[in-house]
N, C-alpha and C. Protein backbone atom coordinates (compact mmCIF):
# COMPACT_ATOMS: atom_id res chain seq x y z
N MET A 1 0.83 -1.18 0.00
CA MET A 1 0.00 0.00 0.00
C MET A 1 0.89 1.25 0.00
N LEU A 2 0.49 2.23 -0.77
CA LEU A 2 1.17 3.52 -0.82
C LEU A 2 0.83 4.31 0.44
N ASN A 3 1.84 4.88 1.07
CA ASN A 3 1.63 5.74 2.23
C ASN A 3 1.61 7.19 1.75
N VAL A 4 0.64 7.96 2.21
CA VAL A 4 0.48 9.34 1.77
C VAL A 4 0.53 10.25 3.00
N THR A 5 1.45 11.23 2.99
CA THR A 5 1.58 12.14 4.12
C THR A 5 0.44 13.16 4.13
N GLU A 6 0.25 13.80 5.28
CA GLU A 6 -0.79 14.84 5.40
C GLU A 6 -0.50 15.99 4.43
N LYS A 7 0.78 16.35 4.27
CA LYS A 7 1.12 17.43 3.33
C LYS A 7 0.70 17.06 1.91
N ALA A 8 0.91 15.80 1.55
CA ALA A 8 0.52 15.35 0.21
C ALA A 8 -1.00 15.33 0.08
N VAL A 9 -1.71 14.90 1.12
CA VAL A 9 -3.17 14.89 1.11
C VAL A 9 -3.68 16.32 0.91
N ASP A 10 -3.09 17.28 1.61
CA ASP A 10 -3.51 18.68 1.46
C ASP A 10 -3.25 19.18 0.05
N ALA A 11 -2.08 18.86 -0.51
CA ALA A 11 -1.75 19.29 -1.87
C ALA A 11 -2.69 18.66 -2.89
N LEU A 12 -2.98 17.37 -2.74
CA LEU A 12 -3.90 16.69 -3.65
C LEU A 12 -5.30 17.27 -3.54
N SER A 13 -5.73 17.54 -2.32
CA SER A 13 -7.05 18.12 -2.11
C SER A 13 -7.16 19.49 -2.78
N SER A 14 -6.14 20.30 -2.65
CA SER A 14 -6.13 21.62 -3.29
C SER A 14 -6.18 21.49 -4.81
N SER A 15 -5.42 20.55 -5.35
CA SER A 15 -5.43 20.33 -6.80
C SER A 15 -6.80 19.88 -7.27
N LEU A 16 -7.41 18.99 -6.52
CA LEU A 16 -8.72 18.48 -6.88
C LEU A 16 -9.78 19.58 -6.82
N GLU A 17 -9.70 20.42 -5.78
CA GLU A 17 -10.67 21.51 -5.65
C GLU A 17 -10.55 22.53 -6.77
N SER A 18 -9.32 22.75 -7.27
CA SER A 18 -9.13 23.74 -8.33
C SER A 18 -9.41 23.16 -9.73
N SER A 19 -9.66 21.87 -9.80
CA SER A 19 -9.96 21.23 -11.09
C SER A 19 -11.46 21.30 -11.34
N GLU A 20 -11.88 20.74 -12.44
CA GLU A 20 -13.30 20.70 -12.78
C GLU A 20 -13.91 19.34 -12.45
N ALA A 21 -13.35 18.66 -11.46
CA ALA A 21 -13.84 17.34 -11.08
C ALA A 21 -15.20 17.43 -10.41
N THR A 22 -16.02 16.42 -10.65
CA THR A 22 -17.31 16.32 -9.96
C THR A 22 -17.06 15.73 -8.57
N ASP A 23 -18.10 15.71 -7.75
CA ASP A 23 -17.97 15.15 -6.40
C ASP A 23 -17.65 13.66 -6.41
N GLU A 24 -18.00 12.97 -7.50
CA GLU A 24 -17.75 11.53 -7.60
C GLU A 24 -16.34 11.23 -8.14
N GLN A 25 -15.63 12.25 -8.57
CA GLN A 25 -14.31 12.03 -9.17
C GLN A 25 -13.19 12.35 -8.19
N SER A 26 -12.05 11.71 -8.44
CA SER A 26 -10.85 11.88 -7.63
C SER A 26 -9.66 12.03 -8.58
N LEU A 27 -8.50 12.24 -7.99
CA LEU A 27 -7.28 12.17 -8.77
C LEU A 27 -6.84 10.72 -8.81
N ARG A 28 -6.44 10.23 -9.97
CA ARG A 28 -5.95 8.87 -10.11
C ARG A 28 -4.46 8.91 -10.39
N LEU A 29 -3.69 8.17 -9.57
CA LEU A 29 -2.27 7.99 -9.81
C LEU A 29 -2.12 6.82 -10.76
N ALA A 30 -1.55 7.08 -11.93
CA ALA A 30 -1.44 6.05 -12.96
C ALA A 30 -0.13 6.21 -13.71
N LEU A 31 0.23 5.18 -14.45
CA LEU A 31 1.42 5.25 -15.29
C LEU A 31 1.07 5.91 -16.62
N THR A 32 1.92 6.82 -17.07
CA THR A 32 1.75 7.44 -18.37
C THR A 32 2.32 6.50 -19.43
N PRO A 33 2.03 6.75 -20.71
CA PRO A 33 2.62 5.92 -21.77
C PRO A 33 4.16 5.94 -21.75
N GLN A 34 4.74 6.98 -21.16
CA GLN A 34 6.21 7.07 -21.06
C GLN A 34 6.76 6.30 -19.87
N GLY A 35 5.86 5.65 -19.09
CA GLY A 35 6.31 4.86 -17.96
C GLY A 35 6.55 5.67 -16.69
N GLU A 36 6.05 6.90 -16.66
CA GLU A 36 6.18 7.75 -15.48
C GLU A 36 4.83 7.82 -14.78
N PHE A 37 4.85 8.20 -13.51
CA PHE A 37 3.59 8.37 -12.78
C PHE A 37 3.01 9.74 -13.08
N GLY A 38 1.70 9.77 -13.21
CA GLY A 38 1.00 11.01 -13.45
C GLY A 38 -0.36 10.98 -12.77
N LEU A 39 -0.99 12.13 -12.71
CA LEU A 39 -2.31 12.25 -12.09
C LEU A 39 -3.34 12.62 -13.14
N ALA A 40 -4.51 12.02 -13.05
CA ALA A 40 -5.62 12.34 -13.94
C ALA A 40 -6.91 12.29 -13.14
N ILE A 41 -7.90 13.02 -13.57
CA ILE A 41 -9.20 12.99 -12.92
C ILE A 41 -9.94 11.74 -13.40
N ASP A 42 -10.46 10.98 -12.44
CA ASP A 42 -11.12 9.72 -12.78
C ASP A 42 -12.08 9.35 -11.65
N GLU A 43 -12.88 8.34 -11.89
CA GLU A 43 -13.79 7.83 -10.87
C GLU A 43 -13.20 6.57 -10.23
N GLN A 44 -13.67 6.27 -9.03
CA GLN A 44 -13.21 5.08 -8.32
C GLN A 44 -13.65 3.83 -9.05
N ARG A 45 -12.81 2.79 -8.94
CA ARG A 45 -13.14 1.49 -9.51
C ARG A 45 -12.97 0.43 -8.43
N GLU A 46 -13.61 -0.70 -8.64
CA GLU A 46 -13.48 -1.80 -7.69
C GLU A 46 -12.02 -2.22 -7.60
N GLY A 47 -11.54 -2.42 -6.37
CA GLY A 47 -10.17 -2.86 -6.15
C GLY A 47 -9.18 -1.72 -5.98
N ASP A 48 -9.63 -0.46 -6.10
CA ASP A 48 -8.73 0.68 -5.94
C ASP A 48 -8.32 0.88 -4.49
N GLN A 49 -7.08 1.36 -4.29
CA GLN A 49 -6.69 1.92 -3.00
C GLN A 49 -7.24 3.34 -3.00
N ILE A 50 -7.89 3.74 -1.93
CA ILE A 50 -8.53 5.05 -1.87
C ILE A 50 -7.94 5.84 -0.71
N VAL A 51 -7.50 7.07 -1.00
CA VAL A 51 -7.01 7.98 0.03
C VAL A 51 -8.06 9.06 0.18
N LYS A 52 -8.53 9.25 1.42
CA LYS A 52 -9.60 10.22 1.66
C LYS A 52 -9.10 11.37 2.52
N GLN A 53 -9.74 12.51 2.33
CA GLN A 53 -9.60 13.64 3.25
C GLN A 53 -11.01 13.92 3.73
N GLU A 54 -11.22 13.81 5.03
CA GLU A 54 -12.54 13.82 5.61
C GLU A 54 -13.33 12.69 4.94
N GLU A 55 -14.41 12.95 4.28
CA GLU A 55 -15.17 11.87 3.64
C GLU A 55 -14.96 11.79 2.13
N ARG A 56 -14.19 12.71 1.56
CA ARG A 56 -14.02 12.75 0.11
C ARG A 56 -12.78 11.96 -0.31
N ALA A 57 -12.97 11.10 -1.30
CA ALA A 57 -11.83 10.39 -1.89
C ALA A 57 -11.08 11.40 -2.76
N ILE A 58 -9.80 11.60 -2.45
CA ILE A 58 -9.03 12.57 -3.24
C ILE A 58 -8.01 11.90 -4.14
N LEU A 59 -7.61 10.67 -3.80
CA LEU A 59 -6.63 9.95 -4.61
C LEU A 59 -7.03 8.49 -4.69
N VAL A 60 -6.99 7.94 -5.90
CA VAL A 60 -7.24 6.52 -6.10
C VAL A 60 -6.13 5.95 -6.95
N LEU A 61 -5.82 4.69 -6.73
CA LEU A 61 -4.87 3.98 -7.58
C LEU A 61 -5.27 2.52 -7.62
N ASP A 62 -5.07 1.91 -8.79
CA ASP A 62 -5.52 0.53 -8.92
C ASP A 62 -4.64 -0.40 -8.11
N GLY A 63 -5.14 -1.59 -7.88
CA GLY A 63 -4.45 -2.56 -7.03
C GLY A 63 -3.05 -2.91 -7.50
N GLU A 64 -2.86 -2.97 -8.81
CA GLU A 64 -1.54 -3.31 -9.35
C GLU A 64 -0.51 -2.22 -9.03
N ILE A 65 -0.88 -0.98 -9.20
CA ILE A 65 0.03 0.12 -8.88
C ILE A 65 0.22 0.22 -7.37
N SER A 66 -0.85 0.03 -6.61
CA SER A 66 -0.74 0.05 -5.16
C SER A 66 0.25 -1.01 -4.67
N ALA A 67 0.18 -2.21 -5.25
CA ALA A 67 1.11 -3.28 -4.88
C ALA A 67 2.53 -2.93 -5.28
N ALA A 68 2.71 -2.32 -6.46
CA ALA A 68 4.04 -1.96 -6.92
C ALA A 68 4.65 -0.86 -6.05
N LEU A 69 3.80 -0.04 -5.45
CA LEU A 69 4.27 1.06 -4.60
C LEU A 69 4.18 0.73 -3.12
N ASP A 70 4.05 -0.56 -2.78
CA ASP A 70 3.94 -0.99 -1.39
C ASP A 70 5.13 -0.46 -0.59
N GLY A 71 4.85 0.31 0.44
CA GLY A 71 5.89 0.86 1.30
C GLY A 71 6.44 2.20 0.83
N ALA A 72 6.08 2.64 -0.36
CA ALA A 72 6.53 3.95 -0.86
C ALA A 72 5.76 5.05 -0.14
N VAL A 73 6.33 6.27 -0.16
CA VAL A 73 5.70 7.41 0.51
C VAL A 73 5.50 8.53 -0.51
N LEU A 74 4.26 8.99 -0.62
CA LEU A 74 3.93 10.16 -1.43
C LEU A 74 3.89 11.34 -0.48
N ASP A 75 4.72 12.35 -0.77
CA ASP A 75 4.83 13.51 0.10
C ASP A 75 4.73 14.77 -0.76
N ALA A 76 4.65 15.91 -0.12
CA ALA A 76 4.65 17.19 -0.81
C ALA A 76 5.76 18.04 -0.21
N THR A 77 6.51 18.70 -1.08
CA THR A 77 7.57 19.59 -0.63
C THR A 77 7.37 20.94 -1.29
N ASP A 78 7.84 21.97 -0.62
CA ASP A 78 7.77 23.32 -1.17
C ASP A 78 9.04 23.60 -1.94
N SER A 79 8.88 24.15 -3.15
CA SER A 79 10.03 24.49 -3.99
C SER A 79 9.80 25.90 -4.51
N PRO A 80 10.81 26.50 -5.14
CA PRO A 80 10.61 27.83 -5.71
C PRO A 80 9.47 27.89 -6.73
N GLU A 81 9.17 26.75 -7.36
CA GLU A 81 8.08 26.69 -8.35
C GLU A 81 6.72 26.42 -7.70
N GLY A 82 6.71 26.23 -6.39
CA GLY A 82 5.47 25.91 -5.68
C GLY A 82 5.54 24.54 -5.06
N ARG A 83 4.44 24.08 -4.55
CA ARG A 83 4.38 22.77 -3.89
C ARG A 83 4.44 21.67 -4.94
N ARG A 84 5.29 20.66 -4.67
CA ARG A 84 5.47 19.55 -5.60
C ARG A 84 5.30 18.24 -4.86
N LEU A 85 4.70 17.28 -5.54
CA LEU A 85 4.58 15.95 -4.98
C LEU A 85 5.86 15.17 -5.24
N THR A 86 6.28 14.40 -4.25
CA THR A 86 7.46 13.56 -4.40
C THR A 86 7.08 12.14 -4.02
N LEU A 87 7.71 11.18 -4.66
CA LEU A 87 7.47 9.77 -4.40
C LEU A 87 8.79 9.13 -3.99
N GLN A 88 8.83 8.67 -2.74
CA GLN A 88 10.04 8.03 -2.22
C GLN A 88 9.79 6.54 -2.14
N MET A 89 10.57 5.80 -2.92
CA MET A 89 10.44 4.35 -2.94
C MET A 89 11.14 3.76 -1.72
N PRO A 90 10.64 2.64 -1.21
CA PRO A 90 11.28 2.02 -0.04
C PRO A 90 12.65 1.48 -0.42
N GLU A 91 13.56 1.50 0.57
CA GLU A 91 14.88 0.94 0.34
C GLU A 91 14.79 -0.58 0.34
N GLU A 92 15.47 -1.18 -0.61
CA GLU A 92 15.43 -2.66 -0.71
C GLU A 92 16.48 -3.27 0.21
N GLY A 93 16.17 -4.44 0.71
CA GLY A 93 17.13 -5.19 1.50
C GLY A 93 17.29 -4.66 2.91
N GLY A 94 16.37 -3.72 3.33
CA GLY A 94 16.46 -3.05 4.62
C GLY A 94 16.48 -3.94 5.76
């Protein structure tokens, strides 16, 4: 399971609120055709890992990606360009 910090939850919630998403939609963490992670507005599907803020689902990811990111941490950091999401993969062999 992907671990999401409070700072990341706040950043995702802000992004979702500023988008044109409906109340039933969330941000989906998915792989792009280039093999990188990206966010898109989507609806929940059966088997998704769901990250909520209060009662609203703000981030969803399918079971395969959730398993691949098991132990990883999604965080938000402040940079000169603004708040950015970072993904820290777990160290192997720990």
